[in-house]
């Protein structure tokens, strides 16, 4: 039985990863905030898993050289030909010419 991850758990995990990235870049929270152009409180909220705006998250990720993370949030949509074949409805009736009654 699979237990779904809650949004709070996702926020906490993302916050931990942001903190690790920031420390690897040898930055304190104030430096990240200044370089990203966001409020210090936004950095603190992101890292603590309490959430912040999407704009703050994007700016922080770009400052930490993690633009590629954003690409995983918006994958390219592609249509699989095999899926299209499988999803076609099976005909239930024969079509007849109009105007001909039986």
Foldseek 3Di string as FASTA:
>chain_A
DDDDDDLLNVQQVQLCVLVVLCVVVVHDLVVLCVQLVHDSVQNVCSNNSVDDDPSSVCSSCVSSVNNVVVCVVPDDDDDDPVVVVVPDDDDDDDDDDPPDDD
